Amino acid sequence: MNMPTMKKFLYSALLVVALPILLQADPVELPMTVAATGKILVDLKVDGEPITCIVDTGSPAFLLMDEAIADKLHLEKKLIRTKLRFFAEDVGVKTYRVKLDNIDVGPWHFENVTALTIDDVRRTTGTGYRDLPNFISNGILGMGFLQQFRVLLDYHRNRFVLTPPEHLTNPPFSLLAPITEVSTGSGSRPFLLDTGSTFSVISSKALEPLGISYISLSGSDPLFKGMARADKLQIGTLTMHDITLEVADHFEDYSGQSAISGIIGYDLLKEMVLDFDFPRHTLTLEKP
């Protein structure tokens, strides 16, 4: 999921610079489930209420949850002007701000956290996924939480390991996002590594600079104009061959931002071991 108007931090893959020493605690592995859609699901508690959340590096919020949870907890909801859009054809959905006394994620406890609510979190993934047997979600855990950790994500081994700093805070939003340069033999463009996206997408405007051709698909989803085929994509030190990407003709409307030219989603992320060290602003990608 992506929210318009939120600034993004541009990562450099395998960045090698002098960095300050950051004290870190011991790593913790959280149980996770990968749904049929490729969404990573983890369990946590909000004010003692258990909820299941999508782990989404494309969301700047600490926590976005179903409005029904807020109503069940009798939370005071404050309507905010910005309506969240999850699809280009959306006019936006009502968004409320709530204050949570407690959030427990694994061994970590946060107090007085600002969260956002919408009427149905699952609509962010598309209505076609609602009836999948292992897809149950009523929240999204985003970069407001993740930005404090070194995050190891290994789809093949079903591992989600977080290494925290010595002291945790609870920022409601993040200005960070795992954006890195994706290169071909013809050029490079910034792409978002988005654990909340099932598919990888490229802007039609980036096809020519990257030297990528596409096949037009008439009568397809109006958001997409066809499918692109890249002989090779270079992401940091990781090289991927024969890659298929969906082509979005109005990519900024689709992604909600203009700082990127594409999204790397689950279809490609599942072939990687990702090591996001958000406090040090470094990203390492490896093959399983």
C-alpha atoms as a PDB file:
ATOM      1  CA  MET A   1       0.000   0.000   0.000  1.00  0.00           C
ATOM      2  CA  ASN A   2       1.217   3.497  -0.761  1.00  0.00           C
ATOM      3  CA  MET A   3      -0.030   6.818   0.555  1.00  0.00           C
ATOM      4  CA  PRO A   4       0.238   9.974  -1.582  1.00  0.00           C
ATOM      5  CA  THR A   5       2.197  13.031  -0.440  1.00  0.00           C
ATOM      6  CA  MET A   6       4.506  11.035   1.854  1.00  0.00           C
ATOM      7  CA  LYS A   7       8.192  11.698   1.239  1.00  0.00           C
ATOM      8  CA  LYS A   8      10.404   8.695   0.594  1.00  0.00           C
ATOM      9  CA  PHE A   9      14.014   8.075   1.601  1.00  0.00           C
ATOM     10  CA  LEU A  10      16.210   6.874  -1.275  1.00  0.00           C
ATOM     11  CA  TYR A  11      18.301   3.883  -0.303  1.00  0.00           C
ATOM     12  CA  SER A  12      21.542   2.944  -2.012  1.00  0.00           C
ATOM     13  CA  ALA A  13      21.955  -0.807  -2.318  1.00  0.00           C
ATOM     14  CA  LEU A  14      24.991  -2.021  -0.375  1.00  0.00           C
ATOM     15  CA  LEU A  15      25.810   1.533   0.686  1.00  0.00           C
ATOM     16  CA  VAL A  16      29.361   1.760   1.996  1.00  0.00           C
ATOM     17  CA  VAL A  17      30.010   4.918   3.993  1.00  0.00           C
ATOM     18  CA  ALA A  18      31.254   5.879   7.433  1.00  0.00           C
ATOM     19  CA  LEU A  19      28.316   5.412   9.780  1.00  0.00           C
ATOM     20  CA  PRO A  20      27.856   6.241  13.454  1.00  0.00           C
ATOM     21  CA  ILE A  21      27.937   3.349  15.896  1.00  0.00           C
ATOM     22  CA  LEU A  22      24.377   2.286  16.720  1.00  0.00           C
ATOM     23  CA  LEU A  23      23.802   0.118  19.743  1.00  0.00           C
ATOM     24  CA  GLN A  24      21.487  -2.809  19.011  1.00  0.00           C
ATOM     25  CA  ALA A  25      19.775  -5.384  21.197  1.00  0.00           C
ATOM     26  CA  ASP A  26      19.466  -9.093  20.404  1.00  0.00           C
ATOM     27  CA  PRO A  27      17.523 -10.118  17.279  1.00  0.00           C
ATOM     28  CA  VAL A  28      14.017 -11.537  17.684  1.00  0.00           C
ATOM     29  CA  GLU A  29      12.324 -13.838  15.178  1.00  0.00           C
ATOM     30  CA  LEU A  30       8.588 -13.242  14.900  1.00  0.00           C
ATOM     31  CA  PRO A  31       6.240 -15.990  13.680  1.00  0.00           C
ATOM     32  CA  MET A  32       4.850 -15.091  10.272  1.00  0.00           C
ATOM     33  CA  THR A  33       2.546 -16.492   7.614  1.00  0.00           C
ATOM     34  CA  VAL A  34       2.827 -15.794   3.901  1.00  0.00           C
ATOM     35  CA  ALA A  35      -0.696 -15.662   2.491  1.00  0.00           C
ATOM     36  CA  ALA A  36      -1.617 -16.874  -0.980  1.00  0.00           C
ATOM     37  CA  THR A  37      -1.362 -13.235  -2.113  1.00  0.00           C
ATOM     38  CA  GLY A  38       2.255 -12.996  -0.942  1.00  0.00           C
ATOM     39  CA  LYS A  39       1.316 -10.770   1.971  1.00  0.00           C
ATOM     40  CA  ILE A  40       3.328 -11.298   5.160  1.00  0.00           C
ATOM     41  CA  LEU A  41       0.993 -11.705   8.132  1.00  0.00           C
ATOM     42  CA  VAL A  42       2.002 -11.280  11.785  1.00  0.00           C
ATOM     43  CA  ASP A  43      -0.020 -11.199  14.994  1.00  0.00           C
ATOM     44  CA  LEU A  44       0.046  -8.400  17.550  1.00  0.00           C
ATOM     45  CA  LYS A  45      -2.186  -6.823  20.188  1.00  0.00           C
ATOM     46  CA  VAL A  46      -3.745  -3.370  20.356  1.00  0.00           C
ATOM     47  CA  ASP A  47      -5.045  -2.453  23.803  1.00  0.00           C
ATOM     48  CA  GLY A  48      -5.129  -6.182  24.538  1.00  0.00           C
ATOM     49  CA  GLU A  49      -7.126  -7.052  21.398  1.00  0.00           C
ATOM     50  CA  PRO A  50      -5.379  -9.615  19.120  1.00  0.00           C
ATOM     51  CA  ILE A  51      -5.217  -8.594  15.457  1.00  0.00           C
ATOM     52  CA  THR A  52      -3.446  -9.942  12.379  1.00  0.00           C
ATOM     53  CA  CYS A  53      -1.485  -7.433  10.322  1.00  0.00           C
ATOM     54  CA  ILE A  54       0.112  -7.245   6.894  1.00  0.00           C
ATOM     55  CA  VAL A  55       3.773  -6.217   7.068  1.00  0.00           C
ATOM     56  CA  ASP A  56       3.955  -3.444   4.468  1.00  0.00           C
ATOM     57  CA  THR A  57       7.153  -1.566   3.588  1.00  0.00           C
ATOM     58  CA  GLY A  58       5.052   0.593   1.261  1.00  0.00           C
ATOM     59  CA  SER A  59       2.989   2.094   4.095  1.00  0.00           C
ATOM     60  CA  PRO A  60       4.420   5.021   6.106  1.00  0.00           C
ATOM     61  CA  ALA A  61       2.003   4.527   9.021  1.00  0.00           C
ATOM     62  CA  PHE A  62       2.962   2.778  12.254  1.00  0.00           C
ATOM     63  CA  LEU A  63      -0.388   0.975  12.203  1.00  0.00           C
ATOM     64  CA  LEU A  64      -3.476   1.067  10.013  1.00  0.00           C
ATOM     65  CA  MET A  65      -6.398  -1.031  11.221  1.00  0.00           C
ATOM     66  CA  ASP A  66     -10.037  -1.797  10.616  1.00  0.00           C
ATOM     67  CA  GLU A  67     -12.488   0.741  11.934  1.00  0.00           C
ATOM     68  CA  ALA A  68     -14.370  -2.179  13.511  1.00  0.00           C
ATOM     69  CA  ILE A  69     -11.442  -2.762  15.886  1.00  0.00           C
ATOM     70  CA  ALA A  70     -11.535   0.867  17.003  1.00  0.00           C
ATOM     71  CA  ASP A  71     -15.284   0.608  17.594  1.00  0.00           C
ATOM     72  CA  LYS A  72     -14.860  -2.612  19.569  1.00  0.00           C
ATOM     73  CA  LEU A  73     -12.301  -0.891  21.803  1.00  0.00           C
ATOM     74  CA  HIS A  74     -14.541   2.210  22.132  1.00  0.00           C
ATOM     75  CA  LEU A  75     -11.767   4.477  20.853  1.00  0.00           C
ATOM     76  CA  GLU A  76     -12.368   8.120  20.063  1.00  0.00           C
ATOM     77  CA  LYS A  77     -12.095   8.552  16.284  1.00  0.00           C
ATOM     78  CA  LYS A  78     -11.035  11.861  14.752  1.00  0.00           C
ATOM     79  CA  LEU A  79     -11.795  12.252  11.055  1.00  0.00           C
ATOM     80  CA  ILE A  80      -8.822  13.555   9.084  1.00  0.00           C
ATOM     81  CA  ARG A  81      -9.047  15.443   5.810  1.00  0.00           C
ATOM     82  CA  THR A  82      -6.827  13.147   3.776  1.00  0.00           C
ATOM     83  CA  LYS A  83      -8.672  10.169   2.353  1.00  0.00           C
ATOM     84  CA  LEU A  84      -6.571   7.097   1.725  1.00  0.00           C
ATOM     85  CA  ARG A  85      -6.620   5.816  -1.855  1.00  0.00           C
ATOM     86  CA  PHE A  86      -5.681   2.239  -2.583  1.00  0.00           C
ATOM     87  CA  PHE A  87      -6.518   2.091  -6.275  1.00  0.00           C
ATOM     88  CA  ALA A  88      -6.372   4.705  -9.021  1.00  0.00           C
ATOM     89  CA  GLU A  89     -10.139   4.587  -9.499  1.00  0.00           C
ATOM     90  CA  ASP A  90     -10.776   5.212  -5.800  1.00  0.00           C
ATOM     91  CA  VAL A  91     -12.167   8.528  -4.664  1.00  0.00           C
ATOM     92  CA  GLY A  92     -10.692   7.680  -1.276  1.00  0.00           C
ATOM     93  CA  VAL A  93     -12.030   6.211   1.929  1.00  0.00           C
ATOM     94  CA  LYS A  94     -12.765   7.937   5.205  1.00  0.00           C
ATOM     95  CA  THR A  95      -9.761   7.861   7.465  1.00  0.00           C
ATOM     96  CA  TYR A  96      -9.771   8.339  11.221  1.00  0.00           C
ATOM     97  CA  ARG A  97      -6.995   8.965  13.693  1.00  0.00           C
ATOM     98  CA  VAL A  98      -7.139   7.087  16.984  1.00  0.00           C
ATOM     99  CA  LYS A  99      -4.906   6.917  20.032  1.00  0.00           C
ATOM    100  CA  LEU A 100      -3.957   3.486  21.346  1.00  0.00           C
ATOM    101  CA  ASP A 101      -2.854   3.074  24.954  1.00  0.00           C
ATOM    102  CA  ASN A 102      -0.814  -0.043  24.202  1.00  0.00           C
ATOM    103  CA  ILE A 103       0.554  -1.949  21.214  1.00  0.00           C
ATOM    104  CA  ASP A 104       2.419  -5.213  21.735  1.00  0.00           C
ATOM    105  CA  VAL A 105       4.458  -6.615  18.847  1.00  0.00           C
ATOM    106  CA  GLY A 106       6.371  -9.724  19.882  1.00  0.00           C
ATOM    107  CA  PRO A 107       8.366  -8.735  22.991  1.00  0.00           C
ATOM    108  CA  TRP A 108       8.065  -4.989  22.338  1.00  0.00           C
ATOM    109  CA  HIS A 109       5.602  -2.746  24.081  1.00  0.00           C
ATOM    110  CA  PHE A 110       4.590   0.724  22.875  1.00  0.00           C
ATOM    111  CA  GLU A 111       2.360   3.247  24.630  1.00  0.00           C
ATOM    112  CA  ASN A 112       0.248   6.185  23.433  1.00  0.00           C
ATOM    113  CA  VAL A 113       0.573   5.313  19.756  1.00  0.00           C
ATOM    114  CA  THR A 114      -1.321   7.187  17.053  1.00  0.00           C
ATOM    115  CA  ALA A 115      -2.886   4.855  14.487  1.00  0.00           C
ATOM    116  CA  LEU A 116      -5.151   5.231  11.476  1.00  0.00           C
ATOM    117  CA  THR A 117      -8.353   3.357  10.674  1.00  0.00           C
ATOM    118  CA  ILE A 118     -10.375   2.625   7.531  1.00  0.00           C
ATOM    119  CA  ASP A 119     -13.582   0.669   7.066  1.00  0.00           C
ATOM    120  CA  ASP A 120     -11.964  -2.526   5.717  1.00  0.00           C
ATOM    121  CA  VAL A 121      -8.229  -3.200   5.554  1.00  0.00           C
ATOM    122  CA  ARG A 122      -8.669  -6.167   3.226  1.00  0.00           C
ATOM    123  CA  ARG A 123      -9.978  -3.916   0.457  1.00  0.00           C
ATOM    124  CA  THR A 124      -6.428  -2.607   0.110  1.00  0.00           C
ATOM    125  CA  THR A 125      -5.495  -5.923  -1.496  1.00  0.00           C
ATOM    126  CA  GLY A 126      -8.411  -6.057  -3.924  1.00  0.00           C
ATOM    127  CA  THR A 127     -11.791  -7.701  -3.516  1.00  0.00           C
ATOM    128  CA  GLY A 128     -10.649 -10.823  -5.376  1.00  0.00           C
ATOM    129  CA  TYR A 129      -8.563 -11.909  -2.372  1.00  0.00           C
ATOM    130  CA  ARG A 130     -11.273 -11.760   0.257  1.00  0.00           C
ATOM    131  CA  ASP A 131     -12.188 -15.452   0.195  1.00  0.00           C
ATOM    132  CA  LEU A 132      -8.709 -16.977   0.199  1.00  0.00           C
ATOM    133  CA  PRO A 133      -8.532 -19.509   3.041  1.00  0.00           C
ATOM    134  CA  ASN A 134      -5.315 -18.262   4.660  1.00  0.00           C
ATOM    135  CA  PHE A 135      -5.848 -14.550   4.162  1.00  0.00           C
ATOM    136  CA  ILE A 136      -7.177 -12.958   7.331  1.00  0.00           C
ATOM    137  CA  SER A 137      -6.058  -9.442   8.099  1.00  0.00           C
ATOM    138  CA  ASN A 138      -7.465  -6.498  10.013  1.00  0.00           C
ATOM    139  CA  GLY A 139      -4.386  -4.310  10.170  1.00  0.00           C
ATOM    140  CA  ILE A 140      -1.271  -3.078   8.358  1.00  0.00           C
ATOM    141  CA  LEU A 141       2.056  -2.702  10.165  1.00  0.00           C
ATOM    142  CA  GLY A 142       4.116  -0.159   8.262  1.00  0.00           C
ATOM    143  CA  MET A 143       7.339   1.784   8.173  1.00  0.00           C
ATOM    144  CA  GLY A 144       6.505   3.836  11.268  1.00  0.00           C
ATOM    145  CA  PHE A 145       7.254   0.620  13.159  1.00  0.00           C
ATOM    146  CA  LEU A 146       9.786  -1.057  10.852  1.00  0.00           C
ATOM    147  CA  GLN A 147      12.088   1.950  10.441  1.00  0.00           C
ATOM    148  CA  GLN A 148      13.652   1.378  13.874  1.00  0.00           C
ATOM    149  CA  PHE A 149      14.828  -2.162  13.126  1.00  0.00           C
ATOM    150  CA  ARG A 150      17.260  -4.149  11.109  1.00  0.00           C
ATOM    151  CA  VAL A 151      14.823  -6.433   9.287  1.00  0.00           C
ATOM    152  CA  LEU A 152      15.782  -9.801   7.825  1.00  0.00           C
ATOM    153  CA  LEU A 153      13.133 -11.242   5.532  1.00  0.00           C
ATOM    154  CA  ASP A 154      13.548 -14.699   4.031  1.00  0.00           C
ATOM    155  CA  TYR A 155      10.445 -15.970   2.235  1.00  0.00           C
ATOM    156  CA  HIS A 156      11.969 -19.384   1.475  1.00  0.00           C
ATOM    157  CA  ARG A 157      12.686 -20.168   5.121  1.00  0.00           C
ATOM    158  CA  ASN A 158       9.628 -18.307   6.407  1.00  0.00           C
ATOM    159  CA  ARG A 159      11.808 -16.074   8.590  1.00  0.00           C
ATOM    160  CA  PHE A 160      11.052 -12.546   9.806  1.00  0.00           C
ATOM    161  CA  VAL A 161      13.821 -11.405  12.152  1.00  0.00           C
ATOM    162  CA  LEU A 162      13.964  -7.968  13.782  1.00  0.00           C
ATOM    163  CA  THR A 163      17.014  -6.513  15.493  1.00  0.00           C
ATOM    164  CA  PRO A 164      16.042  -3.424  17.486  1.00  0.00           C
ATOM    165  CA  PRO A 165      18.195  -0.516  18.643  1.00  0.00           C
ATOM    166  CA  GLU A 166      18.890  -0.184  22.337  1.00  0.00           C
ATOM    167  CA  HIS A 167      15.899   2.135  22.763  1.00  0.00           C
ATOM    168  CA  LEU A 168      12.633   2.019  20.817  1.00  0.00           C
ATOM    169  CA  THR A 169      10.260   4.906  20.167  1.00  0.00           C
ATOM    170  CA  ASN A 170       6.807   4.957  18.635  1.00  0.00           C
ATOM    171  CA  PRO A 171       6.697   7.399  15.695  1.00  0.00           C
ATOM    172  CA  PRO A 172       3.289   7.427  13.956  1.00  0.00           C
ATOM    173  CA  PHE A 173       4.713   7.909  10.459  1.00  0.00           C
ATOM    174  CA  SER A 174       7.944   7.299   8.613  1.00  0.00           C
ATOM    175  CA  LEU A 175       9.781   9.319   5.981  1.00  0.00           C
ATOM    176  CA  LEU A 176      11.758   6.217   5.067  1.00  0.00           C
ATOM    177  CA  ALA A 177      11.057   3.588   2.452  1.00  0.00           C
ATOM    178  CA  PRO A 178      13.226   0.867   0.916  1.00  0.00           C
ATOM    179  CA  ILE A 179      13.750   2.537  -2.467  1.00  0.00           C
ATOM    180  CA  THR A 180      16.777   1.511  -4.511  1.00  0.00           C
ATOM    181  CA  GLU A 181      18.118   1.816  -8.035  1.00  0.00           C
ATOM    182  CA  VAL A 182      17.128  -0.933 -10.446  1.00  0.00           C
ATOM    183  CA  SER A 183      19.345  -1.149 -13.507  1.00  0.00           C
ATOM    184  CA  THR A 184      19.351  -2.702 -16.950  1.00  0.00           C
ATOM    185  CA  GLY A 185      22.047  -2.462 -19.594  1.00  0.00           C
ATOM    186  CA  SER A 186      20.421   0.770 -20.771  1.00  0.00           C
ATOM    187  CA  GLY A 187      19.848   2.747 -17.590  1.00  0.00           C
ATOM    188  CA  SER A 188      18.571   2.781 -14.015  1.00  0.00           C
ATOM    189  CA  ARG A 189      15.518   4.035 -12.171  1.00  0.00           C
ATOM    190  CA  PRO A 190      14.340   4.063  -8.495  1.00  0.00           C
ATOM    191  CA  PHE A 191      12.027   1.216  -7.491  1.00  0.00           C
ATOM    192  CA  LEU A 192      10.251   0.599  -4.182  1.00  0.00           C
ATOM    193  CA  LEU A 193      10.720  -2.820  -2.559  1.00  0.00           C
ATOM    194  CA  ASP A 194       7.126  -3.235  -1.413  1.00  0.00           C
ATOM    195  CA  THR A 195       6.147  -6.212   0.755  1.00  0.00           C
ATOM    196  CA  GLY A 196       2.546  -5.036   0.490  1.00  0.00           C
ATOM    197  CA  SER A 197       2.413  -5.518  -3.292  1.00  0.00           C
ATOM    198  CA  THR A 198       1.665  -8.902  -4.826  1.00  0.00           C
ATOM    199  CA  PHE A 199       3.063  -8.026  -8.262  1.00  0.00           C
ATOM    200  CA  SER A 200       5.959  -6.005  -9.644  1.00  0.00           C
ATOM    201  CA  VAL A 201       4.954  -2.958 -11.696  1.00  0.00           C
ATOM    202  CA  ILE A 202       6.814  -0.494 -13.906  1.00  0.00           C
ATOM    203  CA  SER A 203       5.766   2.943 -15.117  1.00  0.00           C
ATOM    204  CA  SER A 204       5.238   3.150 -18.868  1.00  0.00           C
ATOM    205  CA  LYS A 205       7.469   6.256 -18.795  1.00  0.00           C
ATOM    206  CA  ALA A 206      10.408   4.161 -17.551  1.00  0.00           C
ATOM    207  CA  LEU A 207      10.270   1.571 -20.339  1.00  0.00           C
ATOM    208  CA  GLU A 208      12.278   3.514 -22.937  1.00  0.00           C
ATOM    209  CA  PRO A 209      14.994   4.807 -20.511  1.00  0.00           C
ATOM    210  CA  LEU A 210      15.505   1.233 -19.283  1.00  0.00           C
ATOM    211  CA  GLY A 211      15.397  -0.248 -22.779  1.00  0.00           C
ATOM    212  CA  ILE A 212      12.485  -2.544 -21.930  1.00  0.00           C
ATOM    213  CA  SER A 213       9.819  -3.511 -24.444  1.00  0.00           C
ATOM    214  CA  TYR A 214       6.256  -4.492 -23.630  1.00  0.00           C
ATOM    215  CA  ILE A 215       3.290  -6.322 -25.085  1.00  0.00           C
ATOM    216  CA  SER A 216       0.032  -4.380 -25.192  1.00  0.00           C
ATOM    217  CA  LEU A 217      -2.930  -6.266 -23.757  1.00  0.00           C
ATOM    218  CA  SER A 218      -6.224  -5.003 -25.132  1.00  0.00           C
ATOM    219  CA  GLY A 219      -9.214  -5.376 -22.865  1.00  0.00           C
ATOM    220  CA  SER A 220      -7.029  -5.866 -19.806  1.00  0.00           C
ATOM    221  CA  ASP A 221      -7.327  -4.080 -16.472  1.00  0.00           C
ATOM    222  CA  PRO A 222      -7.664  -0.340 -17.261  1.00  0.00           C
ATOM    223  CA  LEU A 223      -4.876   0.402 -14.770  1.00  0.00           C
ATOM    224  CA  PHE A 224      -2.377  -1.550 -16.860  1.00  0.00           C
ATOM    225  CA  LYS A 225      -1.475  -1.261 -20.530  1.00  0.00           C
ATOM    226  CA  GLY A 226       0.397  -4.530 -20.906  1.00  0.00           C
ATOM    227  CA  MET A 227       3.248  -6.711 -19.747  1.00  0.00           C
ATOM    228  CA  ALA A 228       6.956  -5.873 -19.972  1.00  0.00           C
ATOM    229  CA  ARG A 229       9.781  -8.353 -20.308  1.00  0.00           C
ATOM    230  CA  ALA A 230      13.270  -7.496 -19.046  1.00  0.00           C
ATOM    231  CA  ASP A 231      16.161  -9.747 -20.034  1.00  0.00           C
ATOM    232  CA  LYS A 232      18.048  -8.634 -16.932  1.00  0.00           C
ATOM    233  CA  LEU A 233      17.458  -6.504 -13.851  1.00  0.00           C
ATOM    234  CA  GLN A 234      20.287  -5.536 -11.512  1.00  0.00           C
ATOM    235  CA  ILE A 235      19.252  -4.713  -7.940  1.00  0.00           C
ATOM    236  CA  GLY A 236      22.346  -3.981  -5.870  1.00  0.00           C
ATOM    237  CA  THR A 237      24.628  -6.996  -6.358  1.00  0.00           C
ATOM    238  CA  LEU A 238      21.690  -9.256  -7.212  1.00  0.00           C
ATOM    239  CA  THR A 239      21.036 -10.019 -10.888  1.00  0.00           C
ATOM    240  CA  MET A 240      17.682 -11.400 -12.026  1.00  0.00           C
ATOM    241  CA  HIS A 241      16.978 -12.694 -15.534  1.00  0.00           C
ATOM    242  CA  ASP A 242      13.867 -12.946 -17.707  1.00  0.00           C
ATOM    243  CA  ILE A 243      11.692 -10.749 -15.499  1.00  0.00           C
ATOM    244  CA  THR A 244       8.038  -9.961 -16.198  1.00  0.00           C
ATOM    245  CA  LEU A 245       6.555  -6.655 -15.004  1.00  0.00           C
ATOM    246  CA  GLU A 246       3.081  -5.208 -15.276  1.00  0.00           C
ATOM    247  CA  VAL A 247       3.048  -1.847 -17.056  1.00  0.00           C
ATOM    248  CA  ALA A 248       1.047   0.998 -15.513  1.00  0.00           C
ATOM    249  CA  ASP A 249       0.179   3.838 -17.883  1.00  0.00           C
ATOM    250  CA  HIS A 250      -0.689   6.183 -15.002  1.00  0.00           C
ATOM    251  CA  PHE A 251       1.845   4.879 -12.542  1.00  0.00           C
ATOM    252  CA  GLU A 252       1.793   7.905 -10.228  1.00  0.00           C
ATOM    253  CA  ASP A 253      -1.935   7.418  -9.698  1.00  0.00           C
ATOM    254  CA  TYR A 254      -1.371   3.719  -9.101  1.00  0.00           C
ATOM    255  CA  SER A 255       1.557   4.103  -6.698  1.00  0.00           C
ATOM    256  CA  GLY A 256       0.487   7.360  -5.051  1.00  0.00           C
ATOM    257  CA  GLN A 257       3.887   8.993  -5.519  1.00  0.00           C
ATOM    258  CA  SER A 258       6.196  10.412  -8.154  1.00  0.00           C
ATOM    259  CA  ALA A 259       9.567   9.570  -6.564  1.00  0.00           C
ATOM    260  CA  ILE A 260       9.726   6.057  -8.040  1.00  0.00           C
ATOM    261  CA  SER A 261       9.473   4.450 -11.460  1.00  0.00           C
ATOM    262  CA  GLY A 262       8.430   0.998 -10.347  1.00  0.00           C
ATOM    263  CA  ILE A 263       7.552  -1.429  -7.575  1.00  0.00           C
ATOM    264  CA  ILE A 264       9.258  -4.721  -6.787  1.00  0.00           C
ATOM    265  CA  GLY A 265       6.538  -6.924  -5.305  1.00  0.00           C
ATOM    266  CA  TYR A 266       6.183 -10.426  -3.911  1.00  0.00           C
ATOM    267  CA  ASP A 267       6.591 -12.141  -7.294  1.00  0.00           C
ATOM    268  CA  LEU A 268      10.268 -11.049  -7.271  1.00  0.00           C
ATOM    269  CA  LEU A 269      10.879 -10.491  -3.543  1.00  0.00           C
ATOM    270  CA  LYS A 270      10.172 -14.162  -2.850  1.00  0.00           C
ATOM    271  CA  GLU A 271      13.340 -14.991  -4.804  1.00  0.00           C
ATOM    272  CA  MET A 272      15.507 -12.928  -2.435  1.00  0.00           C
ATOM    273  CA  VAL A 273      16.752 -12.795   1.123  1.00  0.00           C
ATOM    274  CA  LEU A 274      16.322  -9.164   2.142  1.00  0.00           C
ATOM    275  CA  ASP A 275      18.346  -7.465   4.858  1.00  0.00           C
ATOM    276  CA  PHE A 276      16.985  -3.977   5.528  1.00  0.00           C
ATOM    277  CA  ASP A 277      19.107  -2.144   8.097  1.00  0.00           C
ATOM    278  CA  PHE A 278      16.863   0.870   8.396  1.00  0.00           C
ATOM    279  CA  PRO A 279      18.786   2.658  11.214  1.00  0.00           C
ATOM    280  CA  ARG A 280      21.985   2.506   9.137  1.00  0.00           C
ATOM    281  CA  HIS A 281      20.218   3.182   5.833  1.00  0.00           C
ATOM    282  CA  THR A 282      21.658   0.085   4.143  1.00  0.00           C
ATOM    283  CA  LEU A 283      20.094  -2.670   2.094  1.00  0.00           C
ATOM    284  CA  THR A 284      21.564  -6.063   1.199  1.00  0.00           C
ATOM    285  CA  LEU A 285      19.922  -8.536  -1.178  1.00  0.00           C
ATOM    286  CA  GLU A 286      21.000 -12.150  -1.625  1.00  0.00           C
ATOM    287  CA  LYS A 287      19.722 -15.294  -3.276  1.00  0.00           C
ATOM    288  CA  PRO A 288      18.335 -17.953  -0.872  1.00  0.00           C
END
